[in-house]
Protein backbone atom coordinates (compact mmCIF):
# COMPACT_ATOMS: atom_id res chain seq x y z
CA MET A 1 26.12 -2.92 32.89
CA TYR A 2 22.35 -2.61 32.68
CA ARG A 3 22.42 -0.87 35.68
CA ARG A 4 24.78 1.67 34.45
CA LEU A 5 23.42 2.30 31.32
CA LEU A 6 19.81 2.67 32.67
CA LYS A 7 21.22 5.15 35.07
CA LEU A 8 22.38 7.18 32.37
CA ASP A 9 19.59 7.11 30.35
CA LYS A 10 17.47 8.37 33.57
CA LEU A 11 20.16 10.90 34.27
CA TYR A 12 20.87 12.36 31.18
CA GLY A 13 17.86 11.34 28.59
CA ALA A 14 14.47 13.07 28.63
CA GLN A 15 12.09 10.58 29.85
CA ASN A 16 9.18 10.53 26.88
CA TYR A 17 9.70 6.76 26.23
CA LYS A 18 8.59 4.00 28.72
CA SER A 19 10.88 1.62 27.17
CA LEU A 20 11.23 -2.53 27.94
CA PRO A 21 14.05 -3.06 30.50
CA VAL A 22 15.98 -4.67 27.66
CA ILE A 23 19.12 -2.95 26.15
CA LEU A 24 19.89 -3.87 22.57
CA TRP A 25 23.01 -3.69 20.83
CA LYS A 26 22.79 -6.22 17.90
CA GLY A 27 20.08 -6.68 14.98
CA LYS A 28 19.90 -9.29 12.36
CA GLY A 29 17.18 -10.64 10.10
CA VAL A 30 14.22 -11.51 12.53
CA HIS A 31 16.34 -11.19 15.84
CA LEU A 32 17.41 -8.98 18.13
CA TYR A 33 20.26 -9.36 20.35
CA ASP A 34 20.75 -7.52 24.05
CA ILE A 35 23.94 -6.25 25.65
CA GLU A 36 24.74 -9.91 27.15
CA GLY A 37 24.09 -11.44 23.86
CA LYS A 38 20.32 -13.01 24.70
CA GLN A 39 18.66 -13.69 21.46
CA TYR A 40 14.82 -12.32 21.11
CA TYR A 41 12.45 -12.46 18.13
CA ASP A 42 11.43 -9.11 17.22
CA PHE A 43 7.71 -8.64 16.86
CA LEU A 44 7.75 -5.02 17.01
CA SER A 45 9.77 -4.68 13.63
CA SER A 46 10.61 -1.12 14.99
CA TYR A 47 6.93 -0.28 14.22
CA SER A 48 7.15 -1.52 11.00
CA SER A 49 10.31 -0.01 9.83
CA VAL A 50 12.37 -3.04 9.43
CA ASN A 51 9.90 -4.83 7.29
CA GLN A 52 12.97 -6.43 5.19
CA GLY A 53 14.72 -7.94 8.76
CA HIS A 54 17.40 -5.92 10.63
CA CYS A 55 20.55 -5.04 8.76
CA HIS A 56 19.50 -6.55 5.54
CA PRO A 57 23.04 -7.25 4.01
CA ARG A 58 21.98 -5.76 0.23
CA LEU A 59 21.12 -2.53 2.28
CA VAL A 60 24.10 -2.59 4.20
CA LYS A 61 26.09 -2.50 1.20
CA VAL A 62 24.46 -0.21 -0.47
CA MET A 63 24.68 2.32 2.65
CA ARG A 64 28.38 1.42 2.89
CA ASP A 65 29.36 2.27 -0.43
CA GLN A 66 27.22 5.31 -1.03
CA CYS A 67 28.75 6.71 2.45
CA ASP A 68 32.21 6.49 0.38
CA GLN A 69 30.38 8.54 -2.36
CA LEU A 70 28.38 11.39 -1.29
CA THR A 71 25.75 11.12 1.50
CA LEU A 72 24.14 14.76 1.53
CA CYS A 73 24.31 18.18 -0.74
CA SER A 74 21.20 19.49 0.31
CA ARG A 75 18.44 20.34 -2.25
CA ALA A 76 20.05 23.47 -3.14
CA PHE A 77 22.00 21.31 -6.03
CA TYR A 78 20.89 18.38 -7.77
CA ASN A 79 21.96 14.48 -7.11
CA GLU A 80 21.98 11.76 -9.41
CA ASN A 81 20.28 9.51 -6.63
CA LEU A 82 17.25 11.43 -6.19
CA CYS A 83 16.46 11.95 -9.74
CA ASN A 84 16.71 8.32 -9.99
CA PHE A 85 14.69 8.04 -6.79
CA PHE A 86 11.80 10.22 -8.60
CA GLU A 87 11.99 8.06 -11.85
CA TYR A 88 11.65 4.57 -9.57
CA MET A 89 8.85 5.96 -7.44
CA HIS A 90 6.93 7.14 -10.27
CA ASN A 91 7.33 3.68 -12.34
CA LYS A 92 6.73 1.66 -9.09
CA PHE A 93 3.77 3.20 -7.48
CA GLY A 94 2.12 5.15 -10.43
CA TYR A 95 1.65 8.61 -9.28
CA ASP A 96 3.22 11.70 -11.19
CA LYS A 97 5.62 12.81 -8.80
CA SER A 98 7.03 12.32 -5.17
CA LEU A 99 8.16 14.59 -2.32
CA PRO A 100 10.68 12.99 -0.48
CA MET A 101 11.00 14.43 3.06
CA ASN A 102 12.65 12.48 6.48
CA THR A 103 10.49 11.02 8.77
CA GLY A 104 6.41 9.77 8.65
CA VAL A 105 5.43 12.88 10.39
CA GLU A 106 7.18 15.30 8.20
CA ALA A 107 5.34 13.49 5.24
CA CYS A 108 2.25 13.66 6.61
CA GLU A 109 2.45 17.27 7.64
CA THR A 110 3.83 17.65 3.93
CA ALA A 111 0.43 16.11 2.90
CA ILE A 112 -1.60 18.63 4.93
CA LYS A 113 0.01 21.38 3.23
CA LEU A 114 -0.05 19.99 -0.21
CA ALA A 115 -4.04 19.71 0.17
CA ARG A 116 -4.45 23.31 1.68
CA LEU A 117 -2.16 24.38 -1.02
CA TRP A 118 -4.86 22.59 -3.43
CA GLY A 119 -7.68 24.32 -1.57
CA TYR A 120 -6.56 27.43 -1.89
CA LYS A 121 -5.30 27.54 -5.44
CA THR A 122 -7.81 24.70 -7.19
CA LYS A 123 -11.12 24.39 -4.95
CA GLY A 124 -11.16 28.15 -4.49
CA ILE A 125 -10.97 28.55 -0.84
CA GLU A 126 -10.67 31.52 1.08
CA GLN A 127 -7.45 32.34 2.39
CA ASN A 128 -6.96 30.72 5.85
CA LYS A 129 -10.03 28.63 5.80
CA ALA A 130 -9.02 25.44 5.01
CA GLU A 131 -10.09 22.37 6.93
CA PHE A 132 -9.68 18.90 7.36
CA VAL A 133 -11.05 15.53 8.39
CA VAL A 134 -9.16 12.59 10.18
CA ALA A 135 -10.42 9.77 11.92
CA ARG A 136 -10.68 9.30 15.51
CA ASN A 137 -7.88 7.45 17.60
CA ASN A 138 -5.54 7.91 14.52
CA PHE A 139 -1.87 8.57 14.80
CA TRP A 140 0.44 10.09 12.76
CA GLY A 141 3.14 11.78 14.83
CA ARG A 142 3.68 14.11 17.67
CA SER A 143 4.21 17.50 16.15
CA ILE A 144 1.95 20.24 17.00
CA ALA A 145 -0.35 19.60 13.96
CA ALA A 146 -0.63 16.05 14.77
CA CYS A 147 -1.02 16.70 18.53
CA SER A 148 -4.02 18.65 16.75
CA SER A 149 -5.71 16.23 15.31
CA SER A 150 -5.41 13.71 17.79
CA THR A 151 -8.23 12.31 19.91
CA ASP A 152 -5.35 10.70 22.62
CA PRO A 153 -5.19 13.14 25.85
CA SER A 154 -1.48 11.79 26.11
CA SER A 155 -0.76 13.37 22.98
CA PHE A 156 -2.49 16.81 23.23
CA THR A 157 -2.74 17.55 27.02
CA ASN A 158 -0.46 20.70 28.23
CA PHE A 159 0.56 21.20 24.31
CA GLY A 160 -1.83 23.80 23.07
CA PRO A 161 -2.96 25.90 21.56
CA PHE A 162 -3.54 23.87 18.57
CA VAL A 163 -3.76 23.94 15.05
CA PRO A 164 -7.38 24.70 14.15
CA GLY A 165 -9.71 23.06 11.14
CA PHE A 166 -9.54 19.58 12.18
CA HIS A 167 -12.94 17.62 12.51
CA PHE A 168 -13.19 14.34 13.64
CA VAL A 169 -14.79 10.99 12.61
CA ASP A 170 -15.39 7.51 13.73
CA PHE A 171 -13.08 5.32 11.84
CA ASN A 172 -14.73 2.90 9.48
CA ASN A 173 -18.32 5.15 9.59
CA LEU A 174 -19.03 6.61 6.17
CA LEU A 175 -22.21 8.35 7.33
CA GLU A 176 -20.28 10.15 9.73
CA LEU A 177 -17.71 11.34 7.13
CA GLU A 178 -20.51 12.42 4.60
CA GLU A 179 -22.18 14.11 7.30
CA VAL A 180 -18.93 16.09 8.07
CA LEU A 181 -18.10 16.73 4.31
CA LYS A 182 -21.57 17.66 3.29
CA THR A 183 -21.94 20.86 6.18
CA HIS A 184 -18.37 21.96 5.67
CA PRO A 185 -17.33 23.15 2.23
CA ASN A 186 -14.11 24.38 3.22
CA ILE A 187 -12.81 20.91 3.70
CA VAL A 188 -9.74 19.90 1.60
CA GLY A 189 -8.62 16.44 2.58
CA PHE A 190 -9.28 13.32 4.66
CA MET A 191 -6.23 11.85 6.02
CA VAL A 192 -6.80 8.11 7.04
CA GLU A 193 -4.39 5.23 7.80
CA PRO A 194 -5.90 2.36 5.97
CA ILE A 195 -5.67 0.21 9.13
CA GLN A 196 -5.49 2.17 12.23
CA GLY A 197 -2.10 1.01 13.96
CA GLU A 198 -1.34 2.62 17.01
CA ALA A 199 -5.33 2.45 17.79
CA GLY A 200 -4.68 -1.55 18.10
CA ILE A 201 -4.62 -3.12 14.73
CA GLN A 202 -8.29 -1.78 13.64
CA ILE A 203 -9.31 -3.04 10.38
CA PRO A 204 -11.91 -1.42 8.54
CA ASP A 205 -14.61 -2.82 6.09
CA ASP A 206 -13.67 -4.09 3.05
CA ASP A 207 -15.30 -1.40 0.99
CA TYR A 208 -14.41 1.37 3.33
CA LEU A 209 -11.82 3.17 1.11
CA PHE A 210 -13.11 2.82 -2.17
CA LYS A 211 -16.40 4.43 -0.74
CA ALA A 212 -14.30 6.95 1.20
CA LYS A 213 -12.90 8.12 -2.20
CA LYS A 214 -16.27 8.29 -3.87
CA LEU A 215 -17.09 10.49 -0.94
CA CYS A 216 -13.97 12.82 -1.47
CA GLU A 217 -15.05 12.86 -4.81
CA LYS A 218 -18.29 13.93 -4.59
CA TYR A 219 -17.64 16.80 -2.17
CA ASN A 220 -14.53 17.81 -4.18
CA CYS A 221 -11.89 17.07 -1.66
CA LEU A 222 -8.71 14.87 -1.74
CA LEU A 223 -8.27 11.19 0.15
CA ILE A 224 -4.73 11.20 1.79
CA CYS A 225 -3.81 7.32 2.83
CA ASP A 226 -1.07 7.24 5.54
CA GLU A 227 0.75 4.40 4.82
CA VAL A 228 3.43 4.99 7.01
CA GLN A 229 2.86 1.71 8.76
CA THR A 230 0.95 -0.24 6.59
CA GLY A 231 2.65 0.57 3.34
CA ILE A 232 5.96 -1.41 1.72
CA GLY A 233 4.42 -4.74 2.30
CA ARG A 234 3.50 -4.99 5.78
CA THR A 235 0.03 -6.55 4.74
CA GLY A 236 0.74 -8.51 1.79
CA ASN A 237 0.43 -5.89 -0.61
CA MET A 238 2.80 -3.31 -1.59
CA LEU A 239 0.26 -0.91 -0.54
CA ALA A 240 -2.89 -1.29 1.69
CA SER A 241 -4.52 1.17 -0.39
CA HIS A 242 -3.64 -0.97 -3.67
CA THR A 243 -7.58 -1.36 -4.92
CA ILE A 244 -8.15 2.08 -5.14
CA LYS A 245 -5.98 5.17 -5.77
CA PRO A 246 -5.92 7.91 -3.31
CA ASP A 247 -5.16 11.13 -3.90
CA MET A 248 -2.07 11.36 -2.20
CA VAL A 249 -0.19 8.34 -0.26
CA VAL A 250 2.31 8.88 2.42
CA LEU A 251 5.39 6.51 2.96
CA GLY A 252 7.99 6.28 5.67
CA LYS A 253 9.52 3.67 7.95
CA ALA A 254 10.24 0.65 5.79
CA LEU A 255 10.87 2.66 2.72
CA SER A 256 14.65 2.64 3.69
CA GLY A 257 14.38 -0.65 5.19
CA GLY A 258 15.12 0.61 8.59
CA MET A 259 18.42 2.14 7.72
CA MET A 260 18.00 5.84 7.84
CA PRO A 261 14.91 8.26 8.27
CA VAL A 262 13.62 8.14 4.62
CA SER A 263 9.70 9.63 3.68
CA CYS A 264 7.80 10.70 0.89
CA VAL A 265 4.28 12.13 -0.41
CA LEU A 266 3.17 10.59 -3.36
CA GLY A 267 0.50 12.36 -6.02
CA ASP A 268 -0.15 13.53 -9.41
CA ASN A 269 0.49 16.91 -11.00
CA LYS A 270 -2.85 18.24 -10.26
CA VAL A 271 -1.25 18.78 -6.39
CA MET A 272 2.34 18.24 -6.82
CA ASP A 273 2.73 20.93 -9.55
CA LEU A 274 0.94 23.71 -7.20
CA MET A 275 4.62 23.49 -4.94
CA GLU A 276 6.77 26.36 -6.16
CA PRO A 277 10.68 26.99 -5.13
CA GLY A 278 10.97 27.69 -1.38
CA THR A 279 7.54 26.93 -0.39
CA HIS A 280 8.50 23.71 1.23
CA GLY A 281 11.91 21.82 1.84
CA SER A 282 14.03 19.83 4.12
CA THR A 283 17.94 20.06 4.22
CA TYR A 284 17.98 16.49 4.44
CA GLY A 285 14.65 15.54 2.72
CA GLY A 286 16.13 13.92 -0.78
CA ASN A 287 19.41 13.36 0.35
CA SER A 288 21.80 11.11 -1.63
CA LEU A 289 22.44 8.49 0.45
CA GLY A 290 18.29 8.01 1.36
CA ALA A 291 17.59 8.07 -2.22
CA ALA A 292 20.03 5.38 -2.95
CA ILE A 293 18.77 3.36 -0.53
CA VAL A 294 15.06 3.33 -1.08
CA PRO A 295 15.14 1.35 -4.72
CA HIS A 296 16.84 -1.51 -3.17
CA ALA A 297 14.50 -1.63 0.20
CA VAL A 298 11.73 -1.69 -2.06
CA ASP A 299 12.47 -4.14 -4.69
CA ILE A 300 13.73 -6.45 -1.90
CA ILE A 301 10.02 -6.64 -0.65
CA GLU A 302 9.04 -8.21 -4.35
CA SER A 303 12.29 -10.29 -5.19
CA GLU A 304 12.34 -12.00 -1.97
CA GLY A 305 8.84 -13.24 -1.91
CA LEU A 306 7.87 -10.95 1.06
CA LEU A 307 4.49 -10.10 -0.01
CA LEU A 308 3.50 -13.81 -0.06
CA ASN A 309 5.46 -14.76 2.75
CA ALA A 310 3.53 -11.78 4.86
CA GLU A 311 -0.01 -13.04 3.78
CA LYS A 312 1.08 -16.63 4.43
CA GLN A 313 2.36 -16.27 7.57
CA GLY A 314 0.01 -13.63 8.70
CA LYS A 315 -2.79 -16.27 8.26
CA PHE A 316 -0.65 -18.82 10.03
CA PHE A 317 -0.55 -16.88 13.03
CA ARG A 318 -3.71 -15.90 13.59
CA ASP A 319 -5.15 -18.92 12.71
CA GLU A 320 -2.93 -20.81 15.35
CA LEU A 321 -3.82 -18.42 18.14
CA LYS A 322 -7.70 -18.15 17.71
CA ILE A 323 -8.19 -21.03 20.04
CA PHE A 324 -6.99 -18.89 22.92
CA VAL A 325 -9.95 -16.45 21.88
CA ASP A 326 -12.22 -19.84 22.06
CA LEU A 327 -10.76 -20.56 25.40
CA GLY A 328 -11.62 -16.96 26.55
CA ILE A 329 -7.91 -16.18 27.44
CA LEU A 330 -7.78 -13.41 24.34
CA LYS A 331 -10.83 -11.58 23.35
CA ASP A 332 -9.27 -10.94 19.69
CA VAL A 333 -6.81 -11.91 17.15
CA ARG A 334 -6.86 -9.74 14.28
CA GLY A 335 -4.66 -8.51 11.61
CA LYS A 336 -3.93 -8.40 7.83
CA GLY A 337 -0.49 -9.78 6.22
CA LEU A 338 1.92 -9.36 9.15
CA LEU A 339 0.10 -6.47 10.87
CA ASN A 340 -1.57 -8.28 13.73
CA ALA A 341 -2.60 -7.74 17.20
CA ILE A 342 -3.67 -10.01 20.23
CA GLU A 343 -6.32 -8.30 22.90
CA LEU A 344 -6.76 -9.59 26.13
CA HIS A 345 -9.75 -8.91 28.29
CA ASP A 346 -7.85 -7.19 31.15
CA ALA A 347 -5.49 -4.35 30.10
CA GLU A 348 -2.95 -5.30 33.08
CA ASN A 349 -2.72 -8.77 31.60
CA ALA A 350 -1.23 -7.37 28.26
CA ASN A 351 1.58 -5.85 30.25
CA VAL A 352 1.79 -8.83 32.01
CA LEU A 353 2.33 -10.90 29.09
CA VAL A 354 4.68 -8.77 27.28
CA GLU A 355 6.90 -8.97 30.00
CA LYS A 356 6.54 -12.88 30.06
CA MET A 357 7.14 -12.77 26.22
CA MET A 358 10.44 -10.60 26.73
CA ASN A 359 11.65 -13.14 29.71
CA ARG A 360 11.38 -15.92 27.02
CA GLY A 361 13.24 -14.28 24.32
CA LEU A 362 10.41 -12.30 21.93
CA LEU A 363 10.10 -8.74 21.94
CA THR A 364 6.96 -6.38 21.41
CA LYS A 365 4.80 -3.78 23.20
CA VAL A 366 1.17 -3.30 24.02
CA THR A 367 -0.16 -0.86 21.62
CA ARG A 368 -3.79 0.19 23.46
CA GLU A 369 -5.80 -0.80 25.71
CA GLY A 370 -5.01 -4.49 26.68
CA THR A 371 -3.99 -5.10 22.99
CA ILE A 372 -0.45 -6.09 21.98
CA ARG A 373 1.21 -5.46 18.49
CA MET A 374 2.40 -8.37 16.64
CA CYS A 375 4.63 -7.41 13.68
CA PRO A 376 7.54 -9.67 12.76
CA PRO A 377 9.96 -8.66 9.87
CA LEU A 378 8.51 -9.79 6.60
CA ILE A 379 11.47 -12.09 6.35
CA ILE A 380 10.40 -14.45 8.99
CA SER A 381 10.54 -18.09 8.22
CA ASP A 382 8.08 -21.03 9.09
CA ASP A 383 10.79 -22.40 11.59
CA GLN A 384 10.90 -19.02 13.19
CA MET A 385 7.10 -18.43 13.22
CA ASP A 386 6.64 -21.94 14.75
CA ASN A 387 9.51 -21.19 17.43
CA SER A 388 7.82 -17.61 18.10
CA LEU A 389 4.04 -19.26 18.40
CA ASN A 390 5.38 -21.84 20.91
CA ILE A 391 6.64 -18.87 22.99
CA ILE A 392 3.25 -16.90 22.57
CA ARG A 393 1.49 -19.96 23.61
CA ARG A 394 3.41 -20.76 26.65
CA CYS A 395 3.09 -17.32 27.92
CA LEU A 396 -0.79 -17.20 27.14
CA SER A 397 -1.38 -20.76 28.94
CA GLU A 398 0.51 -19.15 32.03
CA LEU A 399 -2.32 -16.48 32.26
């Protein structure tokens, strides 16, 4: 069966992914199962989309019940669940308003549009002159605007011409950020991940976001935190930017617990009230089904103690693997909460290690240059973490 299905993929599917040679058919909790029934620990969590675990029974019930009632009516009409969603997001995250979309890349595009709108209507920038700052090695999707703001050749090569107006600074470099802000008065926003995910789980200084916000205030531009991967409990806090209040926060992925695409932008009235009917939208954005799921998906993170568990299990994971850094097998072990990575000295060894772990029942992927993402669902138990670490240790020892 494996051979037949892989042949169908090659024959009829665009080859824009290099997937591991495993074909999955079921997920439950921290586990995935292939078509032959083999069980795996999931240490990718669909890139932090299933923080609540695969097919959480509460979310499955909400989805089933709502599917019998109303799934989509478009934003041409109001729907009850969306009105309740707006109130819930306001009360939970403390922003005046939210703007729902579907995917993370859509929500990031929305944040850029909102910042430009603010720049023209409030900051007084001349039309079509707005500029933006992003960090090098950022990743927020593969739309044309995302390609335009990327420093990864695989994201932008052969996809030009690009959206103008993006400036690049090194992540965690406040001096470079201030220099760009100082010399480019038309900058309307700085969009940054609190922890860079695709770049290999790069963690900035503790005061980086705080000082970045101060610089944005000083030079009159908006700070936008892309929390599509870091948000909804992944780092041990509901938001990784919880110690400050960015002008906008972008959420996605685990916002629906992996049940369906739901994303949103959070912001205060100074930005959100600038939107007018017809200036932005999505047929599925704010649909009744997604709006019904989100409050339950977010509540699970707190009601089941997953913030504390993410912090506890993440620290245990890093502490247990530091010996392999001391032995010279690993170059680094880093992370926050259950957003973690192990980095090898040899990039090719990372690919070998991923395959070894897959064969022993643990699934994850290389993220960049010898760095492997290690991000299980936040529900992982002590025993499950122990078992997972035993697999990782065994595979590392074989290197």
